[in-house]
Amino acid sequence: MSILLIILHVIVCVAIIMIVLLQTGKGADIGAAFGGGSSQTLFGSTGASTFLSKATTVVAVIFMITSLSLAYISAHKKGSSVMTDAKAPVEQSTAQSGDVIPKQETTPVQLPDANEKK
């Protein structure tokens, strides 16, 4: 179920990007590059603006529904988490032979005194 929802969500994402880019703007835009100027006869006397604005609304609603559905499915997923499965801290990790790796002690480095004159 969630795989189909993810595929639908990706298709809707690409569709909303393409619809927004095809809309006419105030200047030269990508809609003119794809035939936006001559497409007004294809969509009727009202032009492509009303069709594209309605399509944008429909695709945006579908995008919001799929987003909320994916978030709900993700939040209510049953199963184990990587964080709850961690049993041993890092310092208690074991080597391949099964021996415990000893912690290496470091000696502090003494920095020269800032008030000391050379």
N, C-alpha and C. Protein backbone atom coordinates (compact mmCIF):
# COMPACT_ATOMS: atom_id res chain seq x y z
N MET A 1 0.82 -1.20 0.00
CA MET A 1 0.00 0.00 0.00
C MET A 1 0.86 1.25 0.00
N SER A 2 1.88 1.27 0.84
CA SER A 2 2.70 2.47 0.93
C SER A 2 3.56 2.64 -0.32
N ILE A 3 3.94 1.54 -0.98
CA ILE A 3 4.72 1.65 -2.22
C ILE A 3 3.90 2.31 -3.32
N LEU A 4 2.63 1.91 -3.44
CA LEU A 4 1.75 2.53 -4.43
C LEU A 4 1.54 4.01 -4.12
N LEU A 5 1.43 4.33 -2.85
CA LEU A 5 1.25 5.72 -2.45
C LEU A 5 2.49 6.55 -2.75
N ILE A 6 3.66 5.97 -2.57
CA ILE A 6 4.91 6.69 -2.88
C ILE A 6 5.03 6.91 -4.38
N ILE A 7 4.69 5.91 -5.18
CA ILE A 7 4.74 6.06 -6.64
C ILE A 7 3.77 7.14 -7.09
N LEU A 8 2.55 7.13 -6.56
CA LEU A 8 1.57 8.17 -6.89
C LEU A 8 2.07 9.55 -6.48
N HIS A 9 2.71 9.63 -5.32
CA HIS A 9 3.21 10.90 -4.81
C HIS A 9 4.30 11.46 -5.73
N VAL A 10 5.19 10.61 -6.22
CA VAL A 10 6.26 11.07 -7.11
C VAL A 10 5.67 11.53 -8.45
N ILE A 11 4.69 10.81 -8.97
CA ILE A 11 4.04 11.21 -10.22
C ILE A 11 3.35 12.55 -10.05
N VAL A 12 2.67 12.75 -8.92
CA VAL A 12 1.99 14.01 -8.65
C VAL A 12 3.01 15.15 -8.50
N CYS A 13 4.15 14.87 -7.90
CA CYS A 13 5.20 15.90 -7.75
C CYS A 13 5.69 16.37 -9.11
N VAL A 14 5.95 15.43 -10.01
CA VAL A 14 6.41 15.80 -11.35
C VAL A 14 5.31 16.55 -12.10
N ALA A 15 4.06 16.12 -11.94
CA ALA A 15 2.95 16.78 -12.61
C ALA A 15 2.78 18.21 -12.14
N ILE A 16 2.88 18.44 -10.84
CA ILE A 16 2.70 19.81 -10.34
C ILE A 16 3.85 20.71 -10.79
N ILE A 17 5.04 20.17 -10.90
CA ILE A 17 6.17 20.96 -11.41
C ILE A 17 5.92 21.36 -12.86
N MET A 18 5.50 20.41 -13.68
CA MET A 18 5.27 20.69 -15.09
C MET A 18 4.11 21.67 -15.28
N ILE A 19 3.03 21.51 -14.53
CA ILE A 19 1.88 22.41 -14.67
C ILE A 19 2.24 23.83 -14.28
N VAL A 20 3.00 23.98 -13.22
CA VAL A 20 3.39 25.33 -12.78
C VAL A 20 4.33 25.97 -13.81
N LEU A 21 5.23 25.18 -14.37
CA LEU A 21 6.15 25.74 -15.36
C LEU A 21 5.45 26.09 -16.68
N LEU A 22 4.36 25.45 -17.01
CA LEU A 22 3.64 25.74 -18.24
C LEU A 22 2.73 26.95 -18.14
N GLN A 23 2.46 27.44 -16.95
CA GLN A 23 1.57 28.59 -16.81
C GLN A 23 2.25 29.85 -17.33
N THR A 24 1.44 30.72 -17.89
CA THR A 24 1.98 31.96 -18.44
C THR A 24 2.28 32.94 -17.32
N GLY A 25 3.37 33.66 -17.51
CA GLY A 25 3.76 34.65 -16.52
C GLY A 25 3.69 36.04 -17.10
N LYS A 26 4.32 37.00 -16.44
CA LYS A 26 4.29 38.37 -16.91
C LYS A 26 5.29 38.61 -18.03
N GLY A 27 6.35 37.82 -18.07
CA GLY A 27 7.37 37.98 -19.11
C GLY A 27 7.51 36.72 -19.92
N ALA A 28 8.64 36.61 -20.59
CA ALA A 28 8.91 35.39 -21.35
C ALA A 28 9.17 34.26 -20.35
N ASP A 29 8.47 33.16 -20.53
CA ASP A 29 8.58 32.05 -19.59
C ASP A 29 8.70 30.74 -20.34
N ILE A 30 8.76 29.66 -19.60
CA ILE A 30 8.94 28.35 -20.22
C ILE A 30 7.66 27.88 -20.90
N GLY A 31 6.52 28.45 -20.56
CA GLY A 31 5.27 28.09 -21.23
C GLY A 31 5.30 28.45 -22.71
N ALA A 32 5.95 29.54 -23.06
CA ALA A 32 6.08 29.93 -24.46
C ALA A 32 7.01 28.99 -25.22
N ALA A 33 7.99 28.45 -24.53
CA ALA A 33 8.93 27.53 -25.18
C ALA A 33 8.24 26.23 -25.57
N PHE A 34 7.23 25.81 -24.83
CA PHE A 34 6.50 24.58 -25.14
C PHE A 34 5.24 24.85 -25.96
N GLY A 35 5.14 26.02 -26.55
CA GLY A 35 3.97 26.33 -27.36
C GLY A 35 2.85 26.96 -26.59
N GLY A 36 3.15 27.69 -25.54
CA GLY A 36 2.12 28.33 -24.72
C GLY A 36 1.38 29.42 -25.46
N GLY A 37 2.03 30.08 -26.41
CA GLY A 37 1.37 31.15 -27.16
C GLY A 37 0.31 30.63 -28.10
N SER A 38 0.55 29.51 -28.74
CA SER A 38 -0.42 28.97 -29.70
C SER A 38 -1.39 27.98 -29.06
N SER A 39 -1.22 27.70 -27.78
CA SER A 39 -2.07 26.70 -27.14
C SER A 39 -3.43 27.26 -26.74
N GLN A 40 -3.67 28.56 -26.91
CA GLN A 40 -4.95 29.12 -26.52
C GLN A 40 -6.07 28.62 -27.42
N THR A 41 -5.76 28.32 -28.68
CA THR A 41 -6.79 27.79 -29.55
C THR A 41 -7.11 26.34 -29.20
N LEU A 42 -6.17 25.63 -28.64
CA LEU A 42 -6.40 24.24 -28.27
C LEU A 42 -7.35 24.13 -27.07
N PHE A 43 -7.22 25.05 -26.12
CA PHE A 43 -8.02 24.99 -24.89
C PHE A 43 -9.33 25.77 -25.00
N GLY A 44 -9.59 26.42 -26.10
CA GLY A 44 -10.84 27.14 -26.27
C GLY A 44 -10.63 28.65 -26.22
N SER A 45 -11.73 29.39 -26.20
CA SER A 45 -11.65 30.84 -26.25
C SER A 45 -11.17 31.45 -24.93
N THR A 46 -11.34 30.72 -23.83
CA THR A 46 -10.90 31.26 -22.54
C THR A 46 -9.40 31.14 -22.37
N GLY A 47 -8.78 30.30 -23.16
CA GLY A 47 -7.33 30.15 -23.07
C GLY A 47 -6.94 29.04 -22.12
N ALA A 48 -5.62 28.87 -21.99
CA ALA A 48 -5.09 27.78 -21.15
C ALA A 48 -5.01 28.16 -19.69
N SER A 49 -5.18 29.43 -19.38
CA SER A 49 -4.98 29.85 -17.99
C SER A 49 -5.99 29.24 -17.04
N THR A 50 -7.26 29.17 -17.43
CA THR A 50 -8.25 28.59 -16.52
C THR A 50 -8.07 27.08 -16.39
N PHE A 51 -7.74 26.41 -17.51
CA PHE A 51 -7.51 24.97 -17.44
C PHE A 51 -6.29 24.67 -16.57
N LEU A 52 -5.22 25.40 -16.77
CA LEU A 52 -4.00 25.14 -15.99
C LEU A 52 -4.18 25.50 -14.52
N SER A 53 -4.96 26.53 -14.22
CA SER A 53 -5.18 26.88 -12.82
C SER A 53 -6.05 25.83 -12.13
N LYS A 54 -7.04 25.28 -12.84
CA LYS A 54 -7.85 24.21 -12.26
C LYS A 54 -7.03 22.94 -12.09
N ALA A 55 -6.18 22.65 -13.07
CA ALA A 55 -5.32 21.48 -12.97
C ALA A 55 -4.33 21.63 -11.81
N THR A 56 -3.83 22.84 -11.60
CA THR A 56 -2.91 23.09 -10.49
C THR A 56 -3.61 22.85 -9.16
N THR A 57 -4.85 23.29 -9.05
CA THR A 57 -5.61 23.09 -7.82
C THR A 57 -5.85 21.61 -7.54
N VAL A 58 -6.24 20.87 -8.57
CA VAL A 58 -6.52 19.44 -8.39
C VAL A 58 -5.25 18.69 -8.01
N VAL A 59 -4.15 18.96 -8.71
CA VAL A 59 -2.90 18.26 -8.44
C VAL A 59 -2.36 18.65 -7.06
N ALA A 60 -2.53 19.90 -6.65
CA ALA A 60 -2.08 20.33 -5.33
C ALA A 60 -2.87 19.63 -4.22
N VAL A 61 -4.16 19.44 -4.42
CA VAL A 61 -4.99 18.74 -3.42
C VAL A 61 -4.54 17.28 -3.33
N ILE A 62 -4.30 16.64 -4.49
CA ILE A 62 -3.83 15.25 -4.47
C ILE A 62 -2.47 15.16 -3.79
N PHE A 63 -1.60 16.16 -4.04
CA PHE A 63 -0.28 16.18 -3.40
C PHE A 63 -0.40 16.27 -1.88
N MET A 64 -1.30 17.13 -1.41
CA MET A 64 -1.48 17.26 0.05
C MET A 64 -2.05 15.98 0.66
N ILE A 65 -2.98 15.34 -0.04
CA ILE A 65 -3.57 14.10 0.49
C ILE A 65 -2.53 13.00 0.56
N THR A 66 -1.72 12.86 -0.49
CA THR A 66 -0.69 11.82 -0.46
C THR A 66 0.38 12.12 0.58
N SER A 67 0.71 13.41 0.76
CA SER A 67 1.70 13.77 1.79
C SER A 67 1.20 13.43 3.18
N LEU A 68 -0.04 13.78 3.47
CA LEU A 68 -0.60 13.48 4.79
C LEU A 68 -0.76 11.97 5.00
N SER A 69 -1.12 11.25 3.95
CA SER A 69 -1.26 9.80 4.06
C SER A 69 0.08 9.13 4.34
N LEU A 70 1.12 9.57 3.63
CA LEU A 70 2.45 9.01 3.87
C LEU A 70 2.95 9.33 5.27
N ALA A 71 2.66 10.53 5.75
CA ALA A 71 3.07 10.89 7.11
C ALA A 71 2.33 10.05 8.15
N TYR A 72 1.04 9.82 7.93
CA TYR A 72 0.26 9.00 8.85
C TYR A 72 0.76 7.55 8.87
N ILE A 73 1.02 7.01 7.68
CA ILE A 73 1.51 5.63 7.60
C ILE A 73 2.88 5.50 8.27
N SER A 74 3.72 6.49 8.06
CA SER A 74 5.06 6.47 8.66
C SER A 74 5.00 6.57 10.18
N ALA A 75 4.08 7.37 10.70
CA ALA A 75 3.99 7.55 12.15
C ALA A 75 3.39 6.33 12.85
N HIS A 76 2.52 5.62 12.19
CA HIS A 76 1.84 4.48 12.81
C HIS A 76 2.38 3.15 12.32
N LYS A 77 3.62 3.15 11.85
CA LYS A 77 4.23 1.90 11.37
C LYS A 77 4.63 1.05 12.56
N LYS A 78 4.28 -0.21 12.50
CA LYS A 78 4.65 -1.14 13.56
C LYS A 78 5.97 -1.80 13.19
N GLY A 79 6.81 -2.00 14.17
CA GLY A 79 8.09 -2.65 13.91
C GLY A 79 9.16 -2.07 14.81
N SER A 80 10.33 -2.62 14.65
CA SER A 80 11.43 -2.18 15.50
C SER A 80 12.18 -1.02 14.85
N SER A 81 12.83 -0.29 15.67
CA SER A 81 13.61 0.86 15.22
C SER A 81 15.09 0.54 15.37
N VAL A 82 15.90 1.24 14.64
CA VAL A 82 17.35 1.07 14.76
C VAL A 82 17.81 1.50 16.15
N MET A 83 17.19 2.53 16.68
CA MET A 83 17.60 3.05 17.99
C MET A 83 17.21 2.10 19.12
N THR A 84 16.10 1.43 19.02
CA THR A 84 15.70 0.52 20.09
C THR A 84 16.41 -0.82 20.00
N ASP A 85 16.95 -1.15 18.84
CA ASP A 85 17.66 -2.41 18.67
C ASP A 85 19.11 -2.33 19.15
N ALA A 86 19.64 -1.15 19.37
CA ALA A 86 21.03 -1.00 19.82
C ALA A 86 21.13 -1.51 21.26
N LYS A 87 22.02 -2.50 21.48
CA LYS A 87 22.11 -3.11 22.80
C LYS A 87 23.39 -2.74 23.54
N ALA A 88 24.46 -2.50 22.81
CA ALA A 88 25.75 -2.24 23.46
C ALA A 88 26.26 -0.86 23.06
N PRO A 89 26.77 -0.10 24.03
CA PRO A 89 27.38 1.18 23.70
C PRO A 89 28.66 0.98 22.89
N VAL A 90 29.19 2.03 22.35
CA VAL A 90 30.35 1.95 21.47
C VAL A 90 31.59 1.49 22.22
N GLU A 91 31.81 1.94 23.44
CA GLU A 91 33.04 1.58 24.15
C GLU A 91 33.05 0.12 24.59
N GLN A 92 31.95 -0.59 24.54
CA GLN A 92 31.91 -1.99 24.92
C GLN A 92 31.85 -2.90 23.70
N SER A 93 32.22 -2.37 22.52
CA SER A 93 32.16 -3.19 21.32
C SER A 93 33.24 -4.25 21.37
N THR A 94 33.02 -5.34 20.68
CA THR A 94 33.96 -6.45 20.71
C THR A 94 34.66 -6.58 19.37
N ALA A 95 35.85 -7.17 19.40
CA ALA A 95 36.60 -7.42 18.18
C ALA A 95 36.05 -8.66 17.51
N GLN A 96 36.60 -9.01 16.35
CA GLN A 96 36.11 -10.17 15.63
C GLN A 96 36.37 -11.46 16.38
N SER A 97 37.43 -11.50 17.16
CA SER A 97 37.75 -12.72 17.89
C SER A 97 36.92 -12.85 19.16
N GLY A 98 36.16 -11.83 19.53
CA GLY A 98 35.32 -11.90 20.71
C GLY A 98 35.95 -11.23 21.91
N ASP A 99 37.20 -10.78 21.81
CA ASP A 99 37.86 -10.11 22.93
C ASP A 99 37.37 -8.67 23.02
N VAL A 100 37.32 -8.17 24.23
CA VAL A 100 36.92 -6.79 24.46
C VAL A 100 38.09 -5.89 24.10
N ILE A 101 37.82 -4.86 23.33
CA ILE A 101 38.87 -3.92 22.94
C ILE A 101 39.12 -2.97 24.11
N PRO A 102 40.36 -2.89 24.60
CA PRO A 102 40.63 -1.98 25.73
C PRO A 102 40.59 -0.52 25.27
N LYS A 103 40.17 0.33 26.20
CA LYS A 103 40.14 1.75 25.92
C LYS A 103 41.57 2.28 25.94
N GLN A 104 41.93 3.10 24.97
CA GLN A 104 43.26 3.68 24.93
C GLN A 104 43.26 4.98 25.73
N GLU A 105 44.24 5.09 26.61
CA GLU A 105 44.34 6.30 27.40
C GLU A 105 45.26 7.28 26.69
N THR A 106 44.89 8.51 26.74
CA THR A 106 45.71 9.54 26.10
C THR A 106 46.30 10.45 27.17
N THR A 107 47.46 10.94 26.90
CA THR A 107 48.09 11.89 27.83
C THR A 107 47.76 13.29 27.37
N PRO A 108 47.43 14.17 28.31
CA PRO A 108 47.08 15.53 27.92
C PRO A 108 48.30 16.28 27.39
N VAL A 109 48.09 17.12 26.42
CA VAL A 109 49.16 17.92 25.83
C VAL A 109 49.20 19.24 26.59
N GLN A 110 50.41 19.63 27.02
CA GLN A 110 50.56 20.90 27.72
C GLN A 110 50.80 22.00 26.70
N LEU A 111 49.97 23.00 26.76
CA LEU A 111 50.11 24.15 25.90
C LEU A 111 50.98 25.20 26.59
N PRO A 112 51.73 25.97 25.81
CA PRO A 112 52.56 27.01 26.44
C PRO A 112 51.69 28.08 27.09
N ASP A 113 52.17 28.63 28.17
CA ASP A 113 51.44 29.66 28.89
C ASP A 113 51.42 30.95 28.06
N ALA A 114 50.26 31.56 27.95
CA ALA A 114 50.12 32.77 27.14
C ALA A 114 50.83 33.95 27.78
N ASN A 115 50.99 33.98 29.11
CA ASN A 115 51.63 35.10 29.80
C ASN A 115 53.15 34.94 29.84
N GLU A 116 53.65 33.81 29.46
CA GLU A 116 55.08 33.54 29.51
C GLU A 116 55.80 34.30 28.39
N LYS A 117 56.89 34.99 28.73
CA LYS A 117 57.65 35.76 27.74
C LYS A 117 58.72 34.87 27.16
N LYS A 118 59.06 35.12 25.90
CA LYS A 118 60.08 34.34 25.22
C LYS A 118 61.45 34.83 25.49
